[in-house]
Amino acid sequence: MLALLHTSPLHIPVFDALRDEDHPGLELRHLVAPELLARARREGPEAVAPQVTAALEDAAADGVRAVLCTCSTIGEVAERAAGGVGVPIVRGDRPMAAEAVTAGSRVTVLATVESTLAPTLALIEDEARRAGRPVRARAQVVADAWTRFEAGDVEGCARLVAAAADAVTDADVIVLAQASMTSAQRLTTTTVPVLSSPRPGLAAAARAAG
């Protein structure tokens, strides 16, 4: 069994669909805590570190084999808590970041909330150091996209993100920083590779769960 820590209930069908496609038979337990992202946006990710750790410990106590944190804003906090939880904690966007730094030195990060920019850029820099590759990463927030996502207009959010991706002309790879942006991949027309985190993140977590 694999637990997934989400900050939006809209992520549940995305990961259920990926499970059905790529990992049939894997049991998922979804934990949804939107208040973690709300507070992290107001006060910074460190402000929710105790609550994130508690959520991970509760999941481990329920007998799961691993936990996947699907929120990029609190991913670093979750990863740091791993040592005391007792089961593997997988940061959902790390596999995507590792792939991004192999695609070229110019990385453009798109996000829909400001709070995810610093954690994602730091993650890409970390993966670049691990790989021994020089990377220049820049980031931008897609205006109004998060407002639409919060209102349940996933398609409208995806259209705005796809348009922002198609407008990028000076990158070797485009990173969609949040799981909520994944559906924009199918709408882009750019020839620049566009990466999102759910599929590689779930694959890494499934391996961690054994």
Foldseek 3Di string as FASTA:
>chain_A
DEEEEELDPVCVVVLVVLCVVPPPPDDYHYHYHVVQVVVCLVPNLVVCLVVLLVVLLVVVVVPFQEYEYQFLLNLVSNCVSQVPNPHHYFDQCLVVLLVQQVQDQEEEEEEAGPSNPVSVVVSNVVSCVVVVHHHDYDYDHQPPLVVCVVVVNLVVSLVSVQVVVQPDDPGQAYEHRHQSNVVNLVVHDDPRHYDYGSNVSVVVSVVSSD
